[in-house]
């Protein structure tokens, strides 16, 4: 349920409403918009309380939200959420590019790639230190050493960093070294992990489960939001269908659908979404055209010899650079700004 108050409602009236809600043992989340203030109620609301709130000063209406996810819903938070990290704004008018290898393999490798990511115009360096692999004998990542390598490369080249966290036990150490924590598709419904991320204080990029509905996806985000962390990004990374030509089927319709249902930024992953290098570029452009707030793209200097075996979906550095130059032309057509270094005055 939400309480709608006018934008000119005095703060003391807002706090009085919150006090009534909390007195009943419920949680109150206040969201100030450009034309109204929304107070979301988390918990079971008795009809008597709803009627009491409706009669309070400053209240325009009390509306029941039928969706199981409340905090992630645009009904609760009409304005787009913009996540600001060290001067980079995700979810606003800026197109944000996250680029780098599937995994951190060595200090030299991640440093070289970070320099290329920066030179191309991306704002975030991606790289996995802990790798969830289908086979137990596959390369599992470089662990904490990899986190340190990536943090040093990001700092050296003035890039934000994003890495995947797999278990609640590793949230704190990953949060110590990375700017953004990623939840992979296999962990979208790892509820203990999601609860821990709700308390970590770092922005989270949540990838859609490869067989998950929009409702399930947004309820997973709700776990993090309910824990007190408002900085969540939704990532469409492809779903499993009957088609075998591509690794997954990138659901481009998810981008506008999620933006209609939720206020959270939406990121697209055309690398995992297709699993084929030759499809990454066109699907990146299609994602931008569909309205994505950002992209997370795999790039490797020697993809054919990648330790993870994901080289078939990784761009070469020149392909990555050329793609970002094209995005500079495409972004304004959908109301986004993006500039490669060569054009920044």
Protein backbone atom coordinates (compact mmCIF):
# COMPACT_ATOMS: atom_id res chain seq x y z
CA UNK A 1 0.00 0.00 0.00
CA UNK A 2 1.16 3.54 -0.68
CA UNK A 3 0.16 6.91 0.73
CA UNK A 4 0.21 9.73 -1.81
CA UNK A 5 0.90 13.23 -0.53
CA UNK A 6 1.21 16.48 -2.46
CA UNK A 7 4.67 17.76 -3.30
CA UNK A 8 4.01 20.85 -1.17
CA UNK A 9 3.05 18.83 1.89
CA UNK A 10 5.14 20.11 4.85
CA UNK A 11 7.79 17.76 6.20
CA UNK A 12 6.14 17.69 9.62
CA UNK A 13 3.00 16.25 8.03
CA UNK A 14 5.07 13.60 6.25
CA UNK A 15 6.76 12.66 9.51
CA UNK A 16 3.39 12.49 11.27
CA UNK A 17 2.18 10.01 8.64
CA UNK A 18 5.36 7.96 9.04
CA UNK A 19 4.92 7.93 12.82
CA UNK A 20 1.39 6.53 12.52
CA UNK A 21 2.59 3.80 10.15
CA UNK A 22 5.54 2.79 12.35
CA UNK A 23 3.37 2.81 15.48
CA UNK A 24 1.42 -0.05 13.87
CA UNK A 25 4.64 -2.06 13.50
CA UNK A 26 4.98 -1.44 9.75
CA UNK A 27 7.90 -0.08 7.72
CA UNK A 28 7.54 3.29 5.97
CA UNK A 29 9.65 4.24 2.95
CA UNK A 30 9.42 7.85 1.78
CA UNK A 31 10.07 8.76 -1.86
CA UNK A 32 10.02 12.46 -2.87
CA UNK A 33 9.09 12.95 -6.54
CA UNK A 34 8.80 16.04 -8.70
CA UNK A 35 5.01 16.23 -8.41
CA UNK A 36 4.16 14.19 -5.33
CA UNK A 37 5.56 12.34 -2.31
CA UNK A 38 4.98 8.61 -1.97
CA UNK A 39 5.11 6.80 1.36
CA UNK A 40 5.25 3.04 0.93
CA UNK A 41 3.94 0.73 3.64
CA UNK A 42 5.65 -2.65 4.05
CA UNK A 43 3.58 -5.18 5.98
CA UNK A 44 -0.05 -6.14 6.41
CA UNK A 45 -2.27 -3.05 6.46
CA UNK A 46 -5.58 -3.15 8.29
CA UNK A 47 -8.53 -1.32 6.65
CA UNK A 48 -8.88 0.87 9.76
CA UNK A 49 -5.28 2.12 9.36
CA UNK A 50 -5.80 2.84 5.66
CA UNK A 51 -8.87 4.95 6.47
CA UNK A 52 -7.01 6.79 9.24
CA UNK A 53 -4.15 7.65 6.88
CA UNK A 54 -6.56 8.81 4.18
CA UNK A 55 -7.93 11.46 6.56
CA UNK A 56 -4.55 12.84 7.68
CA UNK A 57 -3.29 16.28 6.64
CA UNK A 58 -1.49 16.36 3.30
CA UNK A 59 -2.74 12.95 2.14
CA UNK A 60 -4.27 12.94 -1.33
CA UNK A 61 -4.95 9.21 -1.60
CA UNK A 62 -4.16 5.77 -0.21
CA UNK A 63 -3.70 3.09 -2.86
CA UNK A 64 -3.25 -0.64 -2.50
CA UNK A 65 -0.38 -2.10 -4.56
CA UNK A 66 -1.30 -5.53 -5.84
CA UNK A 67 2.24 -6.45 -6.90
CA UNK A 68 4.20 -8.75 -4.60
CA UNK A 69 7.25 -6.52 -5.01
CA UNK A 70 6.65 -3.13 -3.41
CA UNK A 71 9.92 -1.21 -3.16
CA UNK A 72 10.96 -2.20 -6.69
CA UNK A 73 7.63 -1.10 -8.14
CA UNK A 74 7.22 2.12 -10.08
CA UNK A 75 3.90 2.53 -8.27
CA UNK A 76 5.89 3.12 -5.10
CA UNK A 77 8.73 5.11 -6.68
CA UNK A 78 7.50 6.93 -9.83
CA UNK A 79 10.81 8.67 -10.53
CA UNK A 80 13.73 6.78 -12.07
CA UNK A 81 16.35 5.74 -9.56
CA UNK A 82 19.76 7.19 -10.40
CA UNK A 83 22.73 5.48 -8.77
CA UNK A 84 25.71 7.80 -8.38
CA UNK A 85 29.14 6.23 -7.90
CA UNK A 86 32.20 8.49 -7.87
CA UNK A 87 30.75 10.84 -10.45
CA UNK A 88 29.21 8.17 -12.69
CA UNK A 89 25.39 8.25 -12.79
CA UNK A 90 23.60 5.02 -13.68
CA UNK A 91 19.92 5.29 -14.54
CA UNK A 92 19.84 8.90 -15.68
CA UNK A 93 20.66 10.38 -19.05
CA UNK A 94 24.16 8.91 -19.24
CA UNK A 95 24.81 5.64 -21.08
CA UNK A 96 27.15 3.60 -18.88
CA UNK A 97 29.47 0.97 -20.36
CA UNK A 98 31.04 -1.82 -18.30
CA UNK A 99 33.79 -3.66 -20.16
CA UNK A 100 36.47 -6.22 -19.49
CA UNK A 101 37.23 -9.93 -19.33
CA UNK A 102 35.06 -12.70 -17.97
CA UNK A 103 37.76 -13.39 -15.37
CA UNK A 104 40.80 -11.74 -13.86
CA UNK A 105 43.67 -14.00 -14.94
CA UNK A 106 46.75 -12.02 -13.89
CA UNK A 107 47.81 -8.53 -12.82
CA UNK A 108 49.35 -7.84 -16.24
CA UNK A 109 46.22 -9.05 -18.06
CA UNK A 110 43.73 -6.94 -16.10
CA UNK A 111 45.98 -3.86 -16.19
CA UNK A 112 46.33 -4.06 -19.98
CA UNK A 113 42.59 -4.54 -20.46
CA UNK A 114 41.77 -1.72 -18.02
CA UNK A 115 43.90 0.66 -20.09
CA UNK A 116 42.01 -0.38 -23.24
CA UNK A 117 38.61 -0.09 -21.54
CA UNK A 118 39.47 3.43 -20.39
CA UNK A 119 40.84 4.46 -23.78
CA UNK A 120 37.65 3.28 -25.50
CA UNK A 121 35.50 5.48 -23.26
CA UNK A 122 33.90 2.99 -20.87
CA UNK A 123 33.39 3.97 -17.24
CA UNK A 124 33.48 0.59 -15.47
CA UNK A 125 35.95 -2.31 -15.51
CA UNK A 126 34.37 -5.74 -15.21
CA UNK A 127 36.14 -8.93 -14.20
CA UNK A 128 35.37 -12.02 -12.16
CA UNK A 129 37.55 -13.15 -9.27
CA UNK A 130 35.21 -15.94 -8.15
CA UNK A 131 33.71 -17.86 -11.07
CA UNK A 132 30.59 -20.03 -10.85
CA UNK A 133 31.27 -22.79 -13.38
CA UNK A 134 29.01 -25.57 -14.61
CA UNK A 135 31.83 -28.14 -14.30
CA UNK A 136 33.73 -28.58 -11.01
CA UNK A 137 37.06 -29.01 -12.80
CA UNK A 138 36.83 -25.75 -14.77
CA UNK A 139 38.84 -22.66 -13.83
CA UNK A 140 37.19 -21.22 -10.71
CA UNK A 141 38.86 -17.80 -10.61
CA UNK A 142 41.79 -16.16 -8.86
CA UNK A 143 39.90 -15.35 -5.66
CA UNK A 144 40.91 -12.53 -3.34
CA UNK A 145 44.14 -12.00 -5.28
CA UNK A 146 42.03 -11.29 -8.34
CA UNK A 147 39.97 -8.73 -6.41
CA UNK A 148 43.14 -6.92 -5.41
CA UNK A 149 44.50 -6.99 -8.98
CA UNK A 150 41.30 -5.53 -10.39
CA UNK A 151 41.02 -2.87 -7.68
CA UNK A 152 44.57 -1.73 -8.42
CA UNK A 153 43.90 -1.64 -12.19
CA UNK A 154 40.67 0.30 -11.68
CA UNK A 155 42.36 2.86 -9.45
CA UNK A 156 45.31 3.24 -11.83
CA UNK A 157 43.10 3.88 -14.86
CA UNK A 158 40.32 5.82 -13.08
CA UNK A 159 37.63 3.22 -13.63
CA UNK A 160 34.87 1.92 -11.40
CA UNK A 161 35.02 -1.85 -10.89
CA UNK A 162 32.37 -4.56 -10.84
CA UNK A 163 32.83 -8.18 -9.81
CA UNK A 164 30.61 -11.15 -9.07
CA UNK A 165 29.94 -12.30 -5.52
CA UNK A 166 28.76 -15.89 -5.08
CA UNK A 167 28.12 -16.44 -1.37
CA UNK A 168 27.13 -14.34 1.66
CA UNK A 169 30.53 -15.07 3.21
CA UNK A 170 32.33 -13.24 0.41
CA UNK A 171 30.14 -10.12 0.29
CA UNK A 172 32.28 -8.12 2.72
CA UNK A 173 35.61 -8.87 1.04
CA UNK A 174 34.19 -8.18 -2.44
CA UNK A 175 32.64 -4.93 -1.17
CA UNK A 176 36.03 -3.92 0.22
CA UNK A 177 37.67 -4.01 -3.22
CA UNK A 178 34.89 -3.47 -5.81
CA UNK A 179 32.58 -0.51 -6.46
CA UNK A 180 29.67 -2.65 -7.70
CA UNK A 181 28.77 -6.21 -6.71
CA UNK A 182 27.26 -8.51 -9.32
CA UNK A 183 24.83 -11.35 -8.67
CA UNK A 184 25.04 -13.95 -11.43
CA UNK A 185 22.10 -15.69 -13.04
CA UNK A 186 22.59 -18.87 -10.98
CA UNK A 187 22.32 -16.87 -7.75
CA UNK A 188 19.34 -14.68 -8.57
CA UNK A 189 17.26 -16.59 -6.03
CA UNK A 190 20.03 -17.22 -3.51
CA UNK A 191 17.99 -15.45 -0.85
CA UNK A 192 20.64 -15.58 1.87
CA UNK A 193 23.04 -13.81 -0.52
CA UNK A 194 20.39 -11.24 -1.48
CA UNK A 195 19.63 -10.48 2.16
CA UNK A 196 23.31 -9.96 2.88
CA UNK A 197 23.63 -7.62 -0.11
CA UNK A 198 20.75 -5.60 1.31
CA UNK A 199 22.99 -4.64 4.22
CA UNK A 200 26.36 -4.20 2.47
CA UNK A 201 26.00 -0.58 1.34
CA UNK A 202 27.44 -1.17 -2.14
CA UNK A 203 25.48 -0.92 -5.44
CA UNK A 204 24.35 -4.29 -6.77
CA UNK A 205 23.89 -5.46 -10.36
CA UNK A 206 21.35 -8.29 -10.26
CA UNK A 207 21.30 -10.58 -13.28
CA UNK A 208 18.07 -12.21 -14.34
CA UNK A 209 17.87 -15.96 -13.81
CA UNK A 210 18.01 -17.81 -17.11
CA UNK A 211 14.51 -19.25 -16.57
CA UNK A 212 12.98 -16.44 -14.50
CA UNK A 213 9.88 -14.38 -15.12
CA UNK A 214 9.83 -10.61 -14.70
CA UNK A 215 7.86 -11.06 -11.48
CA UNK A 216 10.45 -13.45 -10.04
CA UNK A 217 13.25 -11.12 -11.13
CA UNK A 218 11.72 -8.08 -9.44
CA UNK A 219 10.95 -10.03 -6.28
CA UNK A 220 14.63 -11.01 -6.11
CA UNK A 221 15.50 -7.31 -6.31
CA UNK A 222 12.96 -6.70 -3.55
CA UNK A 223 15.03 -8.81 -1.14
CA UNK A 224 17.98 -6.43 -1.56
CA UNK A 225 15.83 -3.30 -1.37
CA UNK A 226 13.99 -4.56 1.71
CA UNK A 227 17.34 -5.02 3.45
CA UNK A 228 17.98 -1.29 3.17
CA UNK A 229 20.08 -1.07 0.00
CA UNK A 230 18.31 1.15 -2.58
CA UNK A 231 21.08 0.91 -5.20
CA UNK A 232 20.05 -2.03 -7.35
CA UNK A 233 20.47 -2.43 -11.13
CA UNK A 234 18.52 -5.02 -13.11
CA UNK A 235 20.48 -6.88 -15.79
CA UNK A 236 18.91 -8.75 -18.70
CA UNK A 237 21.50 -11.37 -19.70
CA UNK A 238 19.49 -13.76 -21.83
CA UNK A 239 17.07 -16.54 -20.99
CA UNK A 240 17.00 -20.23 -21.87
CA UNK A 241 14.68 -21.12 -24.73
CA UNK A 242 14.42 -24.00 -27.21
CA UNK A 243 16.91 -22.27 -29.55
CA UNK A 244 20.42 -23.76 -29.56
CA UNK A 245 22.17 -21.54 -32.12
CA UNK A 246 22.88 -18.91 -29.46
CA UNK A 247 24.03 -19.52 -25.90
CA UNK A 248 20.89 -17.79 -24.59
CA UNK A 249 18.08 -15.72 -26.05
CA UNK A 250 18.56 -12.04 -25.22
CA UNK A 251 15.11 -10.78 -24.23
CA UNK A 252 15.19 -7.22 -25.55
CA UNK A 253 11.55 -6.69 -24.58
CA UNK A 254 12.67 -7.04 -20.96
CA UNK A 255 14.29 -3.60 -21.14
CA UNK A 256 11.12 -1.53 -21.73
CA UNK A 257 8.98 -3.93 -19.68
CA UNK A 258 11.21 -3.62 -16.61
CA UNK A 259 11.35 0.14 -17.05
CA UNK A 260 7.55 0.24 -17.04
CA UNK A 261 7.24 -1.99 -13.98
CA UNK A 262 10.17 -0.66 -11.98
CA UNK A 263 12.17 2.51 -11.32
CA UNK A 264 15.50 0.66 -11.13
CA UNK A 265 18.18 1.10 -13.84
CA UNK A 266 18.21 -1.61 -16.52
CA UNK A 267 21.49 -2.98 -17.90
CA UNK A 268 21.87 -5.34 -20.88
CA UNK A 269 24.46 -8.10 -21.25
CA UNK A 270 24.70 -8.96 -24.96
CA UNK A 271 27.77 -11.13 -24.39
CA UNK A 272 26.06 -13.79 -22.27
CA UNK A 273 22.78 -12.99 -24.00
CA UNK A 274 24.08 -14.36 -27.29
CA UNK A 275 27.32 -16.23 -26.58
CA UNK A 276 28.57 -15.36 -30.06
CA UNK A 277 31.08 -12.60 -30.79
CA UNK A 278 29.53 -11.67 -34.14
CA UNK A 279 26.17 -11.00 -32.44
CA UNK A 280 27.43 -8.89 -29.54
CA UNK A 281 27.78 -5.67 -31.56
CA UNK A 282 24.30 -5.67 -33.18
CA UNK A 283 22.60 -6.75 -29.95
CA UNK A 284 24.44 -4.03 -28.03
CA UNK A 285 23.07 -1.44 -30.44
CA UNK A 286 19.62 -3.00 -30.24
CA UNK A 287 19.77 -2.81 -26.44
CA UNK A 288 20.58 0.90 -26.57
CA UNK A 289 17.73 1.44 -29.04
CA UNK A 290 15.40 -0.37 -26.63
CA UNK A 291 16.35 2.10 -23.89
CA UNK A 292 18.97 0.31 -21.78
CA UNK A 293 20.67 2.50 -19.18
CA UNK A 294 23.94 0.65 -19.66
CA UNK A 295 25.77 -2.34 -21.12
CA UNK A 296 28.09 -4.93 -19.64
CA UNK A 297 30.30 -6.31 -22.41
CA UNK A 298 33.08 -8.88 -22.40
CA UNK A 299 36.37 -7.81 -23.99
CA UNK A 300 39.68 -9.70 -23.98
CA UNK A 301 43.07 -9.13 -25.59
CA UNK A 302 43.37 -12.85 -26.43
CA UNK A 303 39.86 -14.29 -26.29
CA UNK A 304 40.78 -17.53 -28.04
CA UNK A 305 43.02 -18.39 -25.07
CA UNK A 306 40.77 -17.13 -22.29
CA UNK A 307 41.05 -19.24 -19.14
CA UNK A 308 37.26 -19.43 -18.78
CA UNK A 309 36.55 -20.66 -22.30
CA UNK A 310 34.13 -17.74 -22.84
CA UNK A 311 36.35 -16.20 -25.52
CA UNK A 312 33.80 -16.94 -28.22
CA UNK A 313 31.59 -14.17 -26.79
CA UNK A 314 34.39 -11.68 -26.02
CA UNK A 315 35.15 -8.77 -28.33
CA UNK A 316 38.68 -7.94 -29.41
CA UNK A 317 39.91 -4.53 -28.22
CA UNK A 318 39.49 -2.90 -31.65
CA UNK A 319 35.93 -4.22 -31.91
CA UNK A 320 35.13 -2.86 -28.45
CA UNK A 321 36.57 0.55 -29.30
CA UNK A 322 34.74 0.75 -32.64
CA UNK A 323 31.48 -0.27 -30.97
CA UNK A 324 31.71 2.53 -28.41
CA UNK A 325 32.33 5.05 -31.19
CA UNK A 326 29.12 3.85 -32.83
CA UNK A 327 27.25 4.14 -29.51
CA UNK A 328 28.28 7.78 -29.31
CA UNK A 329 26.22 8.36 -32.46
CA UNK A 330 23.34 6.13 -31.40
CA UNK A 331 22.89 7.25 -27.79
CA UNK A 332 21.44 10.74 -28.52
CA UNK A 333 18.68 9.17 -30.64
CA UNK A 334 17.23 7.61 -27.49
CA UNK A 335 17.89 10.53 -25.17
CA UNK A 336 21.22 9.32 -23.77
CA UNK A 337 24.61 10.98 -23.65
CA UNK A 338 27.87 9.14 -24.28
CA UNK A 339 31.23 10.47 -25.40
CA UNK A 340 34.42 8.66 -26.29
CA UNK A 341 37.65 10.33 -25.08
CA UNK A 342 38.61 11.55 -28.55
CA UNK A 343 35.55 13.81 -28.65
CA UNK A 344 35.64 15.19 -25.10
CA UNK A 345 36.72 18.84 -25.19
